[in-house]
Amino acid sequence: GWHLPGGGVEAGAALREALTRELAEEGNISMPEPPALHGIFFNTSGSRRDHVAVYVVRAFVQSAPRQPDRELSETGFFALDALPEPTTRATRARLAEIAGAAISPLW
């Protein structure tokens, strides 16, 4: 399904460093301005100690569209009212929160 860009935080890395790396790897995206932390969510389906940090990046630059490969078959930008059908429940929930819905502590 469709989901927000993301990945693990390498040992010894800060969250912001992981965000910068994942945006570059998954979307050829850089951030000319600092991101805003939206929240940290407990992912009970991942493990008993998995947490997901979600940032809002309002200003960004995409150097080129991301080409499909073995990790990602497709990427894209969509209006909130035109998300692809297989967008994951957690992605839809986080986007709704960013748009003003109540925030849940669970992923």
Protein backbone atom coordinates (compact mmCIF):
# COMPACT_ATOMS: atom_id res chain seq x y z
CA GLY A 1 0.00 0.00 0.00
CA TRP A 2 0.89 3.67 -0.03
CA HIS A 3 2.52 5.07 3.08
CA LEU A 4 4.61 7.98 4.30
CA PRO A 5 8.37 7.89 3.63
CA GLY A 6 10.23 6.28 6.48
CA GLY A 7 12.72 3.84 7.81
CA GLY A 8 14.77 2.90 10.82
CA VAL A 9 17.09 5.11 12.78
CA GLU A 10 20.65 3.84 12.53
CA ALA A 11 22.57 3.22 15.76
CA GLY A 12 24.16 6.48 16.88
CA ALA A 13 21.99 8.62 14.56
CA ALA A 14 19.57 11.35 15.59
CA LEU A 15 15.93 11.38 14.40
CA ARG A 16 16.54 14.45 12.24
CA GLU A 17 19.48 12.70 10.58
CA ALA A 18 17.31 9.66 9.83
CA LEU A 19 14.57 11.90 8.42
CA THR A 20 17.04 13.66 6.14
CA ARG A 21 18.45 10.33 4.91
CA GLU A 22 15.05 8.70 4.30
CA LEU A 23 13.65 11.69 2.40
CA ALA A 24 16.74 11.71 0.17
CA GLU A 25 16.64 7.93 -0.40
CA GLU A 26 12.91 7.56 -0.91
CA GLY A 27 12.04 10.79 -2.71
CA ASN A 28 15.15 12.74 -3.76
CA ILE A 29 13.89 15.33 -1.29
CA SER A 30 15.88 17.85 0.76
CA MET A 31 14.63 20.29 3.41
CA PRO A 32 15.70 23.95 3.14
CA GLU A 33 13.85 24.66 6.42
CA PRO A 34 13.60 22.66 9.65
CA PRO A 35 10.74 20.14 9.91
CA ALA A 36 8.14 20.21 12.70
CA LEU A 37 7.66 17.15 14.89
CA HIS A 38 4.02 16.07 14.58
CA GLY A 39 4.21 13.28 17.14
CA ILE A 40 5.70 10.03 18.33
CA PHE A 41 3.42 7.01 18.02
CA PHE A 42 3.54 3.56 19.60
CA ASN A 43 3.40 0.89 16.88
CA THR A 44 1.93 -2.14 18.63
CA SER A 45 2.06 -4.25 15.46
CA GLY A 46 5.82 -3.80 15.09
CA SER A 47 6.99 -4.92 18.51
CA ARG A 48 6.41 -4.12 22.17
CA ARG A 49 8.86 -1.21 21.90
CA ASP A 50 8.51 0.19 18.38
CA HIS A 51 7.84 3.91 18.12
CA VAL A 52 7.34 5.97 14.97
CA ALA A 53 8.26 9.67 14.81
CA VAL A 54 6.29 11.72 12.27
CA TYR A 55 7.54 15.07 11.05
CA VAL A 56 5.73 17.65 8.92
CA VAL A 57 7.94 19.04 6.17
CA ARG A 58 6.23 22.09 4.70
CA ALA A 59 9.21 23.39 2.68
CA PHE A 60 11.10 20.90 0.55
CA VAL A 61 12.90 20.52 -2.75
CA GLN A 62 12.70 17.42 -4.93
CA SER A 63 15.75 17.26 -7.20
CA ALA A 64 14.14 14.67 -9.51
CA PRO A 65 11.25 12.21 -9.38
CA ARG A 66 12.14 8.99 -7.55
CA GLN A 67 12.62 6.13 -9.99
CA PRO A 68 11.18 2.69 -9.15
CA ASP A 69 13.57 0.05 -7.82
CA ARG A 70 13.53 -3.07 -5.62
CA GLU A 71 12.65 -1.05 -2.50
CA LEU A 72 9.93 1.23 -3.89
CA SER A 73 7.81 0.49 -6.93
CA GLU A 74 6.13 3.90 -7.04
CA THR A 75 6.12 7.29 -5.30
CA GLY A 76 3.91 10.34 -5.61
CA PHE A 77 2.28 13.41 -4.12
CA PHE A 78 -1.50 13.48 -3.68
CA ALA A 79 -4.19 15.84 -2.45
CA LEU A 80 -5.69 14.71 0.86
CA ASP A 81 -9.03 14.09 -0.82
CA ALA A 82 -7.42 12.05 -3.62
CA LEU A 83 -5.23 9.52 -1.79
CA PRO A 84 -4.76 6.22 -3.65
CA GLU A 85 -7.10 3.45 -2.48
CA PRO A 86 -4.38 1.28 -0.90
CA THR A 87 -3.08 4.11 1.34
CA THR A 88 -2.45 2.52 4.74
CA ARG A 89 -4.71 3.18 7.72
CA ALA A 90 -1.84 4.67 9.74
CA THR A 91 -0.87 7.02 6.90
CA ARG A 92 -4.47 8.19 6.55
CA ALA A 93 -4.69 8.73 10.32
CA ARG A 94 -1.50 10.80 10.50
CA LEU A 95 -2.54 12.94 7.51
CA ALA A 96 -5.97 13.53 9.09
CA GLU A 97 -4.27 14.58 12.35
CA ILE A 98 -2.01 17.01 10.53
CA ALA A 99 -5.13 18.44 8.89
CA GLY A 100 -6.74 18.96 12.33
CA ALA A 101 -8.17 15.66 13.63
CA ALA A 102 -7.53 14.53 17.20
CA ILE A 103 -4.12 12.89 17.67
CA SER A 104 -3.91 9.24 18.73
CA PRO A 105 -0.88 7.93 20.65
CA LEU A 106 -1.01 4.68 18.63
CA TRP A 107 0.36 4.15 15.16
